[in-house]
C-alpha atoms as a PDB file:
ATOM      1  CA  MET A   1      -0.081  -0.034  -0.003  1.00  0.00           C
ATOM      2  CA  PRO A   2       1.575   3.388  -1.037  1.00  0.00           C
ATOM      3  CA  MET A   3       2.127   5.975   1.761  1.00  0.00           C
ATOM      4  CA  TRP A   4      -0.378   8.847   1.855  1.00  0.00           C
ATOM      5  CA  SER A   5       1.094  12.305   1.364  1.00  0.00           C
ATOM      6  CA  MET A   6      -0.103  15.796   2.098  1.00  0.00           C
ATOM      7  CA  ASP A   7       0.225  16.451  -1.610  1.00  0.00           C
ATOM      8  CA  ASP A   8      -2.598  14.056  -2.218  1.00  0.00           C
ATOM      9  CA  TRP A   9      -5.279  16.511  -0.841  1.00  0.00           C
ATOM     10  CA  ARG A  10      -7.278  18.690  -3.349  1.00  0.00           C
ATOM     11  CA  TYR A  11      -6.340  22.272  -2.842  1.00  0.00           C
ATOM     12  CA  LEU A  12      -7.890  25.446  -4.072  1.00  0.00           C
ATOM     13  CA  GLU A  13      -4.429  27.069  -3.941  1.00  0.00           C
ATOM     14  CA  ARG A  14      -1.022  25.893  -3.139  1.00  0.00           C
ATOM     15  CA  GLU A  15       2.496  27.268  -3.590  1.00  0.00           C
ATOM     16  CA  VAL A  16       6.108  25.977  -2.537  1.00  0.00           C
ATOM     17  CA  ILE A  17       8.015  28.725  -0.898  1.00  0.00           C
ATOM     18  CA  THR A  18      11.763  28.666  -0.049  1.00  0.00           C
ATOM     19  CA  ASP A  19      12.445  30.716   3.169  1.00  0.00           C
ATOM     20  CA  SER A  20      15.582  32.699   3.933  1.00  0.00           C
ATOM     21  CA  LYS A  21      17.267  29.665   5.310  1.00  0.00           C
ATOM     22  CA  GLY A  22      16.782  27.657   2.203  1.00  0.00           C
ATOM     23  CA  ARG A  23      13.965  25.442   3.473  1.00  0.00           C
ATOM     24  CA  LYS A  24      11.032  24.589   1.316  1.00  0.00           C
ATOM     25  CA  TRP A  25       7.530  25.012   2.704  1.00  0.00           C
ATOM     26  CA  THR A  26       4.187  24.388   1.052  1.00  0.00           C
ATOM     27  CA  ILE A  27       1.379  26.863   1.907  1.00  0.00           C
ATOM     28  CA  ALA A  28      -2.026  25.678   0.998  1.00  0.00           C
ATOM     29  CA  LEU A  29      -5.612  26.609   0.896  1.00  0.00           C
ATOM     30  CA  MET A  30      -8.122  23.914   0.903  1.00  0.00           C
ATOM     31  CA  ASP A  31     -12.003  23.373   1.110  1.00  0.00           C
ATOM     32  CA  VAL A  32     -12.737  20.355   3.276  1.00  0.00           C
ATOM     33  CA  LEU A  33     -15.956  19.528   1.529  1.00  0.00           C
ATOM     34  CA  GLY A  34     -15.426  16.832  -1.135  1.00  0.00           C
ATOM     35  CA  GLN A  35     -12.100  15.815   0.240  1.00  0.00           C
ATOM     36  CA  GLU A  36     -11.081  12.162   0.187  1.00  0.00           C
ATOM     37  CA  GLY A  37      -8.646  12.914   2.850  1.00  0.00           C
ATOM     38  CA  ASP A  38      -6.428  10.465   4.774  1.00  0.00           C
ATOM     39  CA  PRO A  39      -7.842   7.017   4.158  1.00  0.00           C
ATOM     40  CA  ASP A  40      -7.083   6.014   7.659  1.00  0.00           C
ATOM     41  CA  MET A  41      -9.063   8.913   9.256  1.00  0.00           C
ATOM     42  CA  PRO A  42     -11.885   9.863   6.837  1.00  0.00           C
ATOM     43  CA  ASN A  43     -14.198  11.002   9.673  1.00  0.00           C
ATOM     44  CA  LYS A  44     -11.821  13.385  11.368  1.00  0.00           C
ATOM     45  CA  MET A  45     -12.190  15.855   8.363  1.00  0.00           C
ATOM     46  CA  LEU A  46     -15.854  16.002   8.988  1.00  0.00           C
ATOM     47  CA  GLU A  47     -15.295  16.704  12.645  1.00  0.00           C
ATOM     48  CA  LEU A  48     -12.891  19.605  11.679  1.00  0.00           C
ATOM     49  CA  GLN A  49     -15.321  20.949   9.128  1.00  0.00           C
ATOM     50  CA  TYR A  50     -18.004  21.573  11.756  1.00  0.00           C
ATOM     51  CA  SER A  51     -15.820  22.753  14.550  1.00  0.00           C
ATOM     52  CA  SER A  52     -13.717  25.494  12.915  1.00  0.00           C
ATOM     53  CA  GLY A  53     -14.899  26.076   9.402  1.00  0.00           C
ATOM     54  CA  ARG A  54     -14.900  24.754   5.905  1.00  0.00           C
ATOM     55  CA  TYR A  55     -11.802  26.407   4.524  1.00  0.00           C
ATOM     56  CA  PHE A  56      -8.333  25.732   5.824  1.00  0.00           C
ATOM     57  CA  THR A  57      -4.836  27.205   5.412  1.00  0.00           C
ATOM     58  CA  LEU A  58      -1.991  24.835   6.066  1.00  0.00           C
ATOM     59  CA  ILE A  59       1.692  25.065   5.973  1.00  0.00           C
ATOM     60  CA  TYR A  60       3.728  21.830   5.837  1.00  0.00           C
ATOM     61  CA  SER A  61       7.284  20.885   5.185  1.00  0.00           C
ATOM     62  CA  GLU A  62       8.805  18.755   2.386  1.00  0.00           C
ATOM     63  CA  SER A  63       8.371  15.741   4.725  1.00  0.00           C
ATOM     64  CA  GLY A  64       4.669  16.438   5.079  1.00  0.00           C
ATOM     65  CA  ALA A  65       4.788  17.524   8.712  1.00  0.00           C
ATOM     66  CA  VAL A  66       2.060  20.112   9.330  1.00  0.00           C
ATOM     67  CA  GLN A  67       3.515  23.244  10.869  1.00  0.00           C
ATOM     68  CA  ARG A  68       0.482  25.431  10.891  1.00  0.00           C
ATOM     69  CA  GLU A  69      -3.231  25.062  10.317  1.00  0.00           C
ATOM     70  CA  ARG A  70      -6.198  27.209  10.738  1.00  0.00           C
ATOM     71  CA  GLY A  71     -10.042  26.982   9.735  1.00  0.00           C
ATOM     72  CA  TYR A  72     -12.146  29.773   8.353  1.00  0.00           C
ATOM     73  CA  PRO A  73     -15.902  29.931   7.873  1.00  0.00           C
ATOM     74  CA  SER A  74     -15.639  31.846   4.672  1.00  0.00           C
ATOM     75  CA  LEU A  75     -13.552  31.483   1.530  1.00  0.00           C
ATOM     76  CA  GLU A  76     -12.836  35.210   1.511  1.00  0.00           C
ATOM     77  CA  ASP A  77     -11.328  34.964   5.000  1.00  0.00           C
ATOM     78  CA  ALA A  78      -9.293  31.995   4.139  1.00  0.00           C
ATOM     79  CA  ARG A  79      -7.975  33.689   0.913  1.00  0.00           C
ATOM     80  CA  ASN A  80      -6.936  36.722   2.813  1.00  0.00           C
ATOM     81  CA  ALA A  81      -5.057  34.437   5.337  1.00  0.00           C
ATOM     82  CA  TYR A  82      -3.362  32.526   2.618  1.00  0.00           C
ATOM     83  CA  ALA A  83      -2.109  35.546   1.016  1.00  0.00           C
ATOM     84  CA  ASP A  84      -0.985  36.930   4.367  1.00  0.00           C
ATOM     85  CA  LEU A  85       0.897  33.726   4.999  1.00  0.00           C
ATOM     86  CA  LEU A  86       2.616  33.845   1.580  1.00  0.00           C
ATOM     87  CA  VAL A  87       3.882  37.477   2.338  1.00  0.00           C
ATOM     88  CA  SER A  88       4.990  36.726   5.804  1.00  0.00           C
ATOM     89  CA  LEU A  89       6.944  33.607   4.722  1.00  0.00           C
ATOM     90  CA  MET A  90       8.628  35.445   1.775  1.00  0.00           C
ATOM     91  CA  ASP A  91       9.573  38.582   3.811  1.00  0.00           C
ATOM     92  CA  GLY A  92      10.925  36.408   6.689  1.00  0.00           C
ATOM     93  CA  SER A  93       8.438  37.555   9.325  1.00  0.00           C
ATOM     94  CA  LEU A  94       7.037  34.132   9.742  1.00  0.00           C
ATOM     95  CA  ASP A  95       9.287  31.104  10.664  1.00  0.00           C
ATOM     96  CA  PRO A  96       7.282  27.767   9.967  1.00  0.00           C
ATOM     97  CA  SER A  97       9.779  25.666  11.744  1.00  0.00           C
ATOM     98  CA  GLN A  98       7.999  26.774  14.912  1.00  0.00           C
ATOM     99  CA  PRO A  99       4.663  24.755  14.607  1.00  0.00           C
ATOM    100  CA  VAL A 100       1.410  26.397  15.522  1.00  0.00           C
ATOM    101  CA  PHE A 101      -1.583  24.245  15.989  1.00  0.00           C
ATOM    102  CA  ARG A 102      -5.212  24.815  16.905  1.00  0.00           C
ATOM    103  CA  GLU A 103      -5.823  24.926  20.539  1.00  0.00           C
ATOM    104  CA  ASP A 104      -9.575  24.230  20.418  1.00  0.00           C
ATOM    105  CA  LEU A 105      -9.325  20.462  19.811  1.00  0.00           C
ATOM    106  CA  GLU A 106     -10.828  18.143  22.317  1.00  0.00           C
ATOM    107  CA  ASP A 107      -8.544  15.356  23.794  1.00  0.00           C
END
């Protein structure tokens, strides 16, 4: 069975950026509706969809490790956040090597 990859998701927008230290990061915008998702956890995406919004911005490394994620209720909000992430990574004001995850998840 082939390994599942972050690149297997369907994204509305996705760009690979190299930061000032030469590391590559993928910044992505996705709509969780219609996603096949991780075949091992298909119901987790539905839980996320209703708990924090339909649209997500993500930053992940070349290895697929998610460094940042955030949900948004509207596509406009998500697109604005995506654009801000791109600018912040390119100008060096954001260091994705310091992960930031949602704090509203239940244990």
